[in-house]
Amino acid sequence: MIRFLIRKLPSVLLVTFVSSVIAFALPRVAPGDPVAVLTEGDISSDAAAALRAEMGLDLPLWQQYLKWIGNVLEGDLGTSYLLRRPVSELVLGSLESTIELTVLAVVIMVAVGLGIGLMGGSPISKLARAFVDTFNTVFLAVPPFLTGLLLILLLGITFRVLPVSGEVAFLSNPEIGIQYLILPAVALALPQAAVIARLLQTSMLATRGEDFVDLAKAKGVPPARITYRHVARNSLGTAVVVIGLRIGDLLGGALIVEAIFARNGLGALMVSGVQSRDYQLVQFLILAAVVVAVIIQLLSEITLATLDPRIRLEGS
């Protein structure tokens, strides 16, 4: 395990460095100026220059980057240009909402994805096969924001089953909080679950053609045992890797879904930061999302090696 982590360390550091450069550059590529947004253009050129100097925007870009990344490594995430509050304080204030949404979405994604995938890779009736194929086809084509809008129309407006905007903290009131979480979590999870289901189904159908499966059939092993003991177990590696990648996509999709359902999470914070050209806030949120995705990918590789004895972390 230690050798595996050491071997991965250079690539992790490289990805983090490149991501930090991209996170720093992206907000500055967009048109607009933080000073103009902050003052609404109603300021003299001398006052604007003084404000830019105060915000550190008068320095060359490479100096701005080194100053920012050095502060981040020391634990100082900077101060929001617009809100005049520490970025760490703003992120922590919105983190609970995003974590609640992402955790529930991950649970739904894994449960639905593995369930549909196992069903599709098993001997089932024509009706069940049609259901699996329809689910995969529809949700592979429909993005999370469209799924969210459809759920709002169906379960929030037409039948008024669940609330469609706002939020209540789950930890403070679980019974009400879960009602506000269900629709955005389902909208976020179903498109990703379809990816997991399709790949797991394909892997299981391919595994059924392996020699060890034919040998198990020749020995008279029951079909259900063959499916879950031999086929599914040797196909889960693909699902584990995909789940790790999909969790990273969930974080990106959460930004849009939170805006659709009017949740005060990191998505709303990101949208506000982009609109106001709040460089300090936006660049940290981008970098944090990439770092979390890298960590999740590492954990998925470790899990894959644990599930599949043919793979060793120490291997080449």
Protein backbone atom coordinates (compact mmCIF):
# COMPACT_ATOMS: atom_id res chain seq x y z
CA MET A 1 0.00 0.00 0.00
CA ILE A 2 2.78 2.44 0.91
CA ARG A 3 4.67 1.66 -2.32
CA PHE A 4 1.46 2.15 -4.30
CA LEU A 5 0.85 5.58 -2.77
CA ILE A 6 4.49 6.62 -3.28
CA ARG A 7 4.31 5.53 -6.92
CA LYS A 8 1.12 7.59 -7.41
CA LEU A 9 2.47 10.68 -5.63
CA PRO A 10 4.26 12.28 -8.63
CA SER A 11 1.16 12.05 -10.86
CA VAL A 12 -1.06 13.39 -8.07
CA LEU A 13 1.26 16.35 -7.52
CA LEU A 14 1.43 17.03 -11.25
CA VAL A 15 -2.36 16.94 -11.64
CA THR A 16 -2.77 19.22 -8.63
CA PHE A 17 -0.22 21.70 -9.97
CA VAL A 18 -1.76 21.81 -13.45
CA SER A 19 -5.23 22.13 -11.93
CA SER A 20 -4.11 25.03 -9.75
CA VAL A 21 -2.78 26.86 -12.83
CA ILE A 22 -6.04 26.23 -14.70
CA ALA A 23 -8.12 27.25 -11.68
CA PHE A 24 -6.11 30.48 -11.44
CA ALA A 25 -6.32 31.23 -15.17
CA LEU A 26 -9.97 30.37 -15.92
CA PRO A 27 -11.64 33.22 -13.99
CA ARG A 28 -9.25 35.71 -15.55
CA VAL A 29 -9.98 34.51 -19.09
CA ALA A 30 -13.65 35.42 -18.72
CA PRO A 31 -14.54 38.99 -19.72
CA GLY A 32 -15.09 41.47 -16.94
CA ASP A 33 -13.12 43.06 -14.13
CA PRO A 34 -13.64 42.53 -10.37
CA VAL A 35 -13.13 46.23 -9.68
CA ALA A 36 -15.76 47.24 -12.24
CA VAL A 37 -18.22 44.67 -10.85
CA LEU A 38 -17.53 45.67 -7.26
CA THR A 39 -17.94 49.41 -7.88
CA GLU A 40 -20.50 49.09 -10.70
CA GLY A 41 -18.21 51.28 -12.82
CA ASP A 42 -18.92 54.34 -10.66
CA ILE A 43 -15.34 55.14 -9.66
CA SER A 44 -12.47 57.33 -10.84
CA SER A 45 -9.45 55.83 -12.56
CA ASP A 46 -7.17 56.73 -9.63
CA ALA A 47 -9.52 55.15 -7.10
CA ALA A 48 -9.85 52.07 -9.33
CA ALA A 49 -6.06 51.75 -9.52
CA ALA A 50 -5.80 52.05 -5.73
CA LEU A 51 -8.45 49.39 -5.28
CA ARG A 52 -6.70 47.06 -7.74
CA ALA A 53 -3.46 47.53 -5.78
CA GLU A 54 -5.28 46.76 -2.52
CA MET A 55 -6.68 43.55 -4.04
CA GLY A 56 -3.28 42.59 -5.47
CA LEU A 57 -4.52 42.73 -9.06
CA ASP A 58 -1.85 45.17 -10.11
CA LEU A 59 0.88 42.52 -9.83
CA PRO A 60 2.00 40.43 -12.82
CA LEU A 61 -0.03 37.24 -13.21
CA TRP A 62 2.82 34.94 -12.22
CA GLN A 63 3.30 36.87 -8.98
CA GLN A 64 -0.43 36.74 -8.28
CA TYR A 65 -0.36 32.96 -8.80
CA LEU A 66 2.64 32.38 -6.55
CA LYS A 67 1.16 34.57 -3.84
CA TRP A 68 -2.20 32.78 -4.02
CA ILE A 69 -0.85 29.22 -4.09
CA GLY A 70 1.61 30.03 -1.30
CA ASN A 71 -1.22 31.33 0.88
CA VAL A 72 -3.34 28.25 0.12
CA LEU A 73 -0.50 25.94 1.17
CA GLU A 74 -0.31 27.90 4.44
CA GLY A 75 -4.08 27.54 4.97
CA ASP A 76 -5.01 31.09 3.95
CA LEU A 77 -7.65 30.84 1.20
CA GLY A 78 -7.90 34.59 0.73
CA THR A 79 -10.78 37.02 1.08
CA SER A 80 -13.81 37.35 -1.15
CA TYR A 81 -13.63 40.54 -3.23
CA LEU A 82 -17.38 41.06 -3.18
CA LEU A 83 -18.44 39.88 0.27
CA ARG A 84 -15.27 40.96 2.09
CA ARG A 85 -15.28 37.75 4.09
CA PRO A 86 -12.67 34.96 4.27
CA VAL A 87 -13.15 32.36 1.53
CA SER A 88 -12.75 29.59 4.12
CA GLU A 89 -15.70 31.00 6.08
CA LEU A 90 -17.89 31.17 2.95
CA VAL A 91 -16.98 27.63 1.88
CA LEU A 92 -17.61 26.14 5.32
CA GLY A 93 -20.97 27.93 5.47
CA SER A 94 -22.13 26.29 2.23
CA LEU A 95 -20.34 22.95 2.59
CA GLU A 96 -22.99 21.19 4.69
CA SER A 97 -25.67 21.65 2.02
CA THR A 98 -23.47 20.27 -0.77
CA ILE A 99 -22.25 17.34 1.34
CA GLU A 100 -25.83 16.35 2.20
CA LEU A 101 -26.83 16.46 -1.47
CA THR A 102 -23.73 14.63 -2.71
CA VAL A 103 -23.87 11.86 -0.09
CA LEU A 104 -27.53 11.06 -0.82
CA ALA A 105 -26.87 11.25 -4.58
CA VAL A 106 -23.93 8.83 -4.23
CA VAL A 107 -26.07 6.36 -2.26
CA ILE A 108 -28.83 6.51 -4.89
CA MET A 109 -26.34 6.32 -7.76
CA VAL A 110 -24.56 3.24 -6.38
CA ALA A 111 -27.77 1.44 -5.37
CA VAL A 112 -29.59 2.08 -8.65
CA GLY A 113 -26.52 1.65 -10.85
CA LEU A 114 -25.45 -1.65 -9.32
CA GLY A 115 -29.03 -2.91 -9.10
CA ILE A 116 -29.87 -2.17 -12.73
CA GLY A 117 -26.46 -3.39 -13.88
CA LEU A 118 -26.74 -6.71 -12.04
CA MET A 119 -30.25 -7.16 -13.40
CA GLY A 120 -29.10 -6.43 -16.95
CA GLY A 121 -26.19 -8.85 -16.70
CA SER A 122 -28.35 -11.71 -15.35
CA PRO A 123 -30.72 -14.06 -17.17
CA ILE A 124 -34.03 -12.15 -16.99
CA SER A 125 -37.37 -11.98 -18.78
CA LYS A 126 -37.95 -9.95 -21.93
CA LEU A 127 -40.02 -7.42 -19.97
CA ALA A 128 -37.24 -6.89 -17.41
CA ARG A 129 -34.68 -6.64 -20.22
CA ALA A 130 -36.80 -3.97 -21.92
CA PHE A 131 -36.97 -2.03 -18.64
CA VAL A 132 -33.18 -2.15 -18.18
CA ASP A 133 -32.50 -1.09 -21.76
CA THR A 134 -35.04 1.74 -21.57
CA PHE A 135 -33.62 3.04 -18.29
CA ASN A 136 -30.07 3.04 -19.61
CA THR A 137 -30.99 4.62 -22.94
CA VAL A 138 -33.09 7.41 -21.43
CA PHE A 139 -30.80 8.46 -18.60
CA LEU A 140 -27.60 8.15 -20.62
CA ALA A 141 -29.09 10.77 -22.95
CA VAL A 142 -30.68 13.07 -20.35
CA PRO A 143 -28.34 15.42 -18.41
CA PRO A 144 -28.90 16.09 -14.67
CA PHE A 145 -30.36 19.58 -15.16
CA LEU A 146 -33.03 18.25 -17.54
CA THR A 147 -33.79 15.38 -15.17
CA GLY A 148 -34.21 17.95 -12.42
CA LEU A 149 -36.60 20.07 -14.46
CA LEU A 150 -38.70 17.01 -15.36
CA LEU A 151 -38.87 15.96 -11.69
CA ILE A 152 -39.95 19.48 -10.72
CA LEU A 153 -42.74 19.43 -13.29
CA LEU A 154 -43.89 15.93 -12.37
CA LEU A 155 -43.46 15.65 -8.59
CA GLY A 156 -43.32 19.31 -7.59
CA ILE A 157 -45.95 21.02 -9.74
CA THR A 158 -48.25 18.40 -11.27
CA PHE A 159 -48.65 16.15 -8.22
CA ARG A 160 -47.08 18.37 -5.50
CA VAL A 161 -45.44 15.44 -3.74
CA LEU A 162 -42.14 17.07 -2.73
CA PRO A 163 -40.79 20.63 -2.34
CA VAL A 164 -38.89 21.90 -5.38
CA SER A 165 -36.88 24.82 -3.98
CA GLY A 166 -35.08 25.84 -0.82
CA GLU A 167 -33.66 23.58 1.84
CA VAL A 168 -33.78 22.55 5.47
CA ALA A 169 -30.60 21.21 7.07
CA PHE A 170 -30.89 17.44 7.36
CA LEU A 171 -29.01 17.28 10.66
CA SER A 172 -31.27 19.86 12.30
CA ASN A 173 -34.55 18.36 11.03
CA PRO A 174 -34.08 14.97 9.27
CA GLU A 175 -37.79 14.43 8.54
CA ILE A 176 -38.20 17.72 6.65
CA GLY A 177 -34.63 17.93 5.38
CA ILE A 178 -34.86 14.64 3.48
CA GLN A 179 -37.92 15.91 1.63
CA TYR A 180 -35.92 18.83 0.25
CA LEU A 181 -33.04 16.49 -0.65
CA ILE A 182 -34.84 13.75 -2.57
CA LEU A 183 -35.59 15.52 -5.86
CA PRO A 184 -32.17 17.16 -6.38
CA ALA A 185 -30.36 13.98 -5.28
CA VAL A 186 -32.38 11.80 -7.67
CA ALA A 187 -31.87 14.30 -10.51
CA LEU A 188 -28.14 14.25 -9.86
CA ALA A 189 -27.83 10.48 -9.41
CA LEU A 190 -29.91 8.88 -12.19
CA PRO A 191 -27.82 9.93 -15.21
CA GLN A 192 -24.65 8.73 -13.46
CA ALA A 193 -26.37 5.52 -12.33
CA ALA A 194 -27.17 4.73 -15.97
CA VAL A 195 -23.47 4.89 -16.85
CA ILE A 196 -22.60 2.47 -14.04
CA ALA A 197 -25.46 0.14 -14.97
CA ARG A 198 -24.55 0.01 -18.67
CA LEU A 199 -20.86 -0.71 -18.04
CA LEU A 200 -21.57 -3.31 -15.35
CA GLN A 201 -24.10 -5.02 -17.61
CA THR A 202 -21.63 -5.09 -20.52
CA SER A 203 -18.86 -6.43 -18.29
CA MET A 204 -21.09 -9.19 -16.90
CA LEU A 205 -22.28 -10.27 -20.34
CA ALA A 206 -18.65 -10.45 -21.51
CA THR A 207 -17.62 -12.42 -18.41
CA ARG A 208 -20.33 -15.01 -19.11
CA GLY A 209 -18.31 -16.08 -22.14
CA GLU A 210 -15.21 -16.91 -20.10
CA ASP A 211 -13.99 -20.49 -19.72
CA PHE A 212 -14.38 -20.57 -15.92
CA VAL A 213 -18.10 -19.80 -16.30
CA ASP A 214 -18.51 -22.67 -18.79
CA LEU A 215 -16.66 -24.93 -16.35
CA ALA A 216 -19.00 -23.92 -13.52
CA LYS A 217 -22.00 -24.72 -15.72
CA ALA A 218 -20.53 -28.11 -16.62
CA LYS A 219 -20.14 -28.90 -12.92
CA GLY A 220 -23.83 -28.19 -12.37
CA VAL A 221 -23.45 -25.00 -10.34
CA PRO A 222 -26.86 -23.28 -10.00
CA PRO A 223 -27.37 -20.30 -12.36
CA ALA A 224 -27.92 -17.86 -9.48
CA ARG A 225 -24.65 -18.90 -7.87
CA ILE A 226 -22.82 -18.56 -11.18
CA THR A 227 -24.23 -15.06 -11.63
CA TYR A 228 -23.46 -13.63 -8.23
CA ARG A 229 -20.44 -15.69 -7.14
CA HIS A 230 -18.52 -15.88 -10.41
CA VAL A 231 -19.86 -13.40 -12.99
CA ALA A 232 -20.76 -10.44 -10.77
CA ARG A 233 -17.68 -10.69 -8.57
CA ASN A 234 -15.34 -10.67 -11.57
CA SER A 235 -17.23 -7.76 -13.16
CA LEU A 236 -17.41 -5.39 -10.20
CA GLY A 237 -13.93 -4.01 -10.85
CA THR A 238 -15.26 -2.01 -13.78
CA ALA A 239 -18.11 -0.66 -11.67
CA VAL A 240 -15.75 0.40 -8.87
CA VAL A 241 -13.56 2.45 -11.19
CA VAL A 242 -16.59 4.02 -12.85
CA ILE A 243 -18.17 4.87 -9.48
CA GLY A 244 -15.01 6.75 -8.52
CA LEU A 245 -15.13 8.74 -11.75
CA ARG A 246 -18.89 9.37 -11.47
CA ILE A 247 -18.53 10.79 -7.95
CA GLY A 248 -16.24 13.43 -9.42
CA ASP A 249 -18.90 14.19 -12.03
CA LEU A 250 -21.51 14.45 -9.27
CA LEU A 251 -19.58 17.33 -7.74
CA GLY A 252 -19.67 19.19 -11.04
CA GLY A 253 -23.34 18.39 -11.63
CA ALA A 254 -24.20 19.51 -8.12
CA LEU A 255 -23.33 23.09 -9.06
CA ILE A 256 -26.10 23.19 -11.68
CA VAL A 257 -28.63 21.11 -9.76
CA GLU A 258 -28.26 23.30 -6.68
CA ALA A 259 -29.02 26.36 -8.79
CA ILE A 260 -32.14 24.69 -10.26
CA PHE A 261 -33.47 23.72 -6.83
CA ALA A 262 -32.37 26.99 -5.15
CA ARG A 263 -30.11 25.32 -2.60
CA ASN A 264 -27.54 27.43 -0.77
CA GLY A 265 -24.61 25.11 -1.38
CA LEU A 266 -21.26 25.45 -3.08
CA GLY A 267 -23.06 25.58 -6.43
CA ALA A 268 -24.81 28.82 -5.54
CA LEU A 269 -21.54 30.12 -4.13
CA MET A 270 -19.73 29.27 -7.38
CA VAL A 271 -22.40 30.94 -9.53
CA SER A 272 -22.24 34.06 -7.39
CA GLY A 273 -18.44 34.09 -7.58
CA VAL A 274 -18.42 33.75 -11.37
CA GLN A 275 -20.99 36.50 -11.84
CA SER A 276 -19.07 38.91 -9.61
CA ARG A 277 -15.62 37.90 -10.97
CA ASP A 278 -14.62 36.91 -7.45
CA TYR A 279 -11.30 35.32 -8.39
CA GLN A 280 -10.29 34.21 -4.91
CA LEU A 281 -13.51 32.31 -4.37
CA VAL A 282 -13.85 30.72 -7.83
CA GLN A 283 -10.26 29.56 -8.18
CA PHE A 284 -10.29 27.80 -4.80
CA LEU A 285 -13.59 26.03 -5.52
CA ILE A 286 -12.22 24.74 -8.85
CA LEU A 287 -9.00 23.52 -7.24
CA ALA A 288 -10.86 21.88 -4.34
CA ALA A 289 -13.16 19.99 -6.74
CA VAL A 290 -10.17 18.58 -8.65
CA VAL A 291 -8.32 17.55 -5.48
CA VAL A 292 -11.41 15.74 -4.17
CA ALA A 293 -11.82 13.94 -7.52
CA VAL A 294 -8.16 12.82 -7.42
CA ILE A 295 -8.54 11.47 -3.88
CA ILE A 296 -11.71 9.59 -4.82
CA GLN A 297 -9.96 8.06 -7.83
CA LEU A 298 -7.11 6.83 -5.61
CA LEU A 299 -9.60 5.26 -3.22
CA SER A 300 -11.39 3.54 -6.12
CA GLU A 301 -8.10 2.02 -7.33
CA ILE A 302 -7.38 0.69 -3.84
CA THR A 303 -10.89 -0.77 -3.62
CA LEU A 304 -10.49 -2.36 -7.05
CA ALA A 305 -7.30 -4.11 -5.97
CA THR A 306 -9.07 -5.36 -2.85
CA LEU A 307 -12.01 -6.79 -4.80
CA ASP A 308 -10.02 -8.39 -7.62
CA PRO A 309 -7.22 -10.72 -6.44
CA ARG A 310 -5.71 -10.64 -9.95
CA ILE A 311 -4.75 -7.01 -9.40
CA ARG A 312 -2.03 -6.03 -6.96
CA LEU A 313 -1.26 -2.52 -5.85
CA GLU A 314 2.44 -3.34 -6.03
CA GLY A 315 2.15 -4.51 -9.64
CA SER A 316 3.36 -2.57 -12.64
